[in-house]
Amino acid sequence: MINFDGAHKENAVNRATLLIGMAALLMLGGCLKDGAPNVDDPQNIVVKGKKMDDREYLKEFCTNKKYEATDENCLKVKRAYHDRFMKRRKPINF
């Protein structure tokens, strides 16, 4: 049987408290992550006062696989990018 004196017990309690606190912060940090910033108009994207085009937005905020296919703003900007690309494309004549 292991016998701890007062100092060892205090160290064990401090370490356990620190580990529990760190785990709680990591879980809370994961919950606070909102994904890509909100986009009202995909033709006129402004994030934190900075104007961006659709390619810049997609590259900066939507390259993470977690948000790429599920984030509402990433999907909205991707749709606008695709529509813009298809309008520029010339029809193929056979």
Protein backbone atom coordinates (compact mmCIF):
# COMPACT_ATOMS: atom_id res chain seq x y z
CA MET A 1 0.00 0.00 0.00
CA ILE A 2 1.28 3.46 -0.87
CA ASN A 3 1.34 6.02 1.88
CA PHE A 4 1.27 9.68 0.82
CA ASP A 5 2.34 12.40 3.16
CA GLY A 6 0.61 15.83 3.07
CA ALA A 7 2.85 17.33 0.34
CA HIS A 8 2.34 14.42 -2.07
CA LYS A 9 -1.44 14.49 -1.60
CA GLU A 10 -1.50 18.22 -2.30
CA ASN A 11 0.59 17.74 -5.47
CA ALA A 12 -1.73 14.99 -6.71
CA VAL A 13 -4.79 17.15 -6.09
CA ASN A 14 -3.17 20.13 -7.85
CA ARG A 15 -2.29 18.02 -10.88
CA ALA A 16 -5.77 16.51 -11.07
CA THR A 17 -7.35 19.96 -10.79
CA LEU A 18 -5.08 21.29 -13.54
CA LEU A 19 -5.90 18.37 -15.86
CA ILE A 20 -9.64 18.73 -15.30
CA GLY A 21 -9.42 22.49 -15.92
CA MET A 22 -7.45 22.00 -19.14
CA ALA A 23 -9.91 19.39 -20.40
CA ALA A 24 -12.83 21.73 -19.67
CA LEU A 25 -11.15 24.58 -21.56
CA LEU A 26 -10.48 22.37 -24.58
CA MET A 27 -14.08 21.20 -24.69
CA LEU A 28 -15.40 24.74 -24.28
CA GLY A 29 -13.05 26.02 -27.01
CA GLY A 30 -14.39 23.38 -29.40
CA CYS A 31 -17.96 24.44 -28.71
CA LEU A 32 -17.27 28.13 -29.33
CA LYS A 33 -15.91 27.58 -32.84
CA ASP A 34 -18.65 28.83 -35.16
CA GLY A 35 -17.17 27.89 -38.50
CA ALA A 36 -16.86 30.29 -41.40
CA PRO A 37 -17.89 33.94 -40.89
CA ASN A 38 -21.39 34.97 -41.90
CA VAL A 39 -21.93 36.11 -45.49
CA ASP A 40 -25.05 38.10 -46.32
CA ASP A 41 -24.26 38.70 -49.99
CA PRO A 42 -21.89 36.23 -51.71
CA GLN A 43 -21.35 38.76 -54.52
CA ASN A 44 -20.06 41.33 -52.01
CA ILE A 45 -18.17 39.54 -49.22
CA VAL A 46 -16.87 41.64 -46.31
CA VAL A 47 -15.27 39.97 -43.28
CA LYS A 48 -14.20 42.15 -40.35
CA GLY A 49 -14.14 45.21 -42.63
CA LYS A 50 -12.01 43.49 -45.29
CA LYS A 51 -13.53 43.04 -48.77
CA MET A 52 -12.85 39.60 -50.24
CA ASP A 53 -13.73 37.82 -53.43
CA ASP A 54 -15.28 34.36 -53.34
CA ARG A 55 -12.01 32.52 -54.00
CA GLU A 56 -10.25 34.28 -51.11
CA TYR A 57 -13.14 33.49 -48.76
CA LEU A 58 -13.22 29.83 -49.76
CA LYS A 59 -9.47 29.47 -49.43
CA GLU A 60 -9.29 31.17 -46.03
CA PHE A 61 -12.38 29.78 -44.29
CA CYS A 62 -13.64 26.74 -46.16
CA THR A 63 -10.61 24.52 -46.72
CA ASN A 64 -11.22 22.65 -43.44
CA LYS A 65 -13.04 19.42 -44.35
CA LYS A 66 -15.31 19.87 -41.32
CA TYR A 67 -16.81 23.10 -42.69
CA GLU A 68 -16.36 22.63 -46.40
CA ALA A 69 -19.42 20.45 -46.97
CA THR A 70 -21.62 21.45 -44.03
CA ASP A 71 -21.11 25.13 -43.27
CA GLU A 72 -24.01 27.20 -44.59
CA ASN A 73 -21.80 30.18 -45.51
CA CYS A 74 -19.22 28.04 -47.32
CA LEU A 75 -21.98 26.40 -49.34
CA LYS A 76 -23.55 29.77 -50.18
CA VAL A 77 -20.23 31.20 -51.42
CA LYS A 78 -19.40 28.00 -53.34
CA ARG A 79 -22.75 28.16 -55.13
CA ALA A 80 -22.16 31.80 -56.08
CA TYR A 81 -18.61 30.98 -57.27
CA HIS A 82 -19.90 28.07 -59.37
CA ASP A 83 -22.70 30.17 -60.88
CA ARG A 84 -20.26 32.95 -61.75
CA PHE A 85 -17.88 30.44 -63.33
CA MET A 86 -20.64 28.85 -65.39
CA LYS A 87 -21.80 32.25 -66.71
CA ARG A 88 -18.27 33.05 -67.94
CA ARG A 89 -17.90 29.71 -69.63
CA LYS A 90 -18.65 29.64 -73.33
CA PRO A 91 -21.06 27.01 -74.61
CA ILE A 92 -19.59 24.12 -76.53
CA ASN A 93 -20.88 23.80 -80.10
CA PHE A 94 -20.84 20.32 -81.58
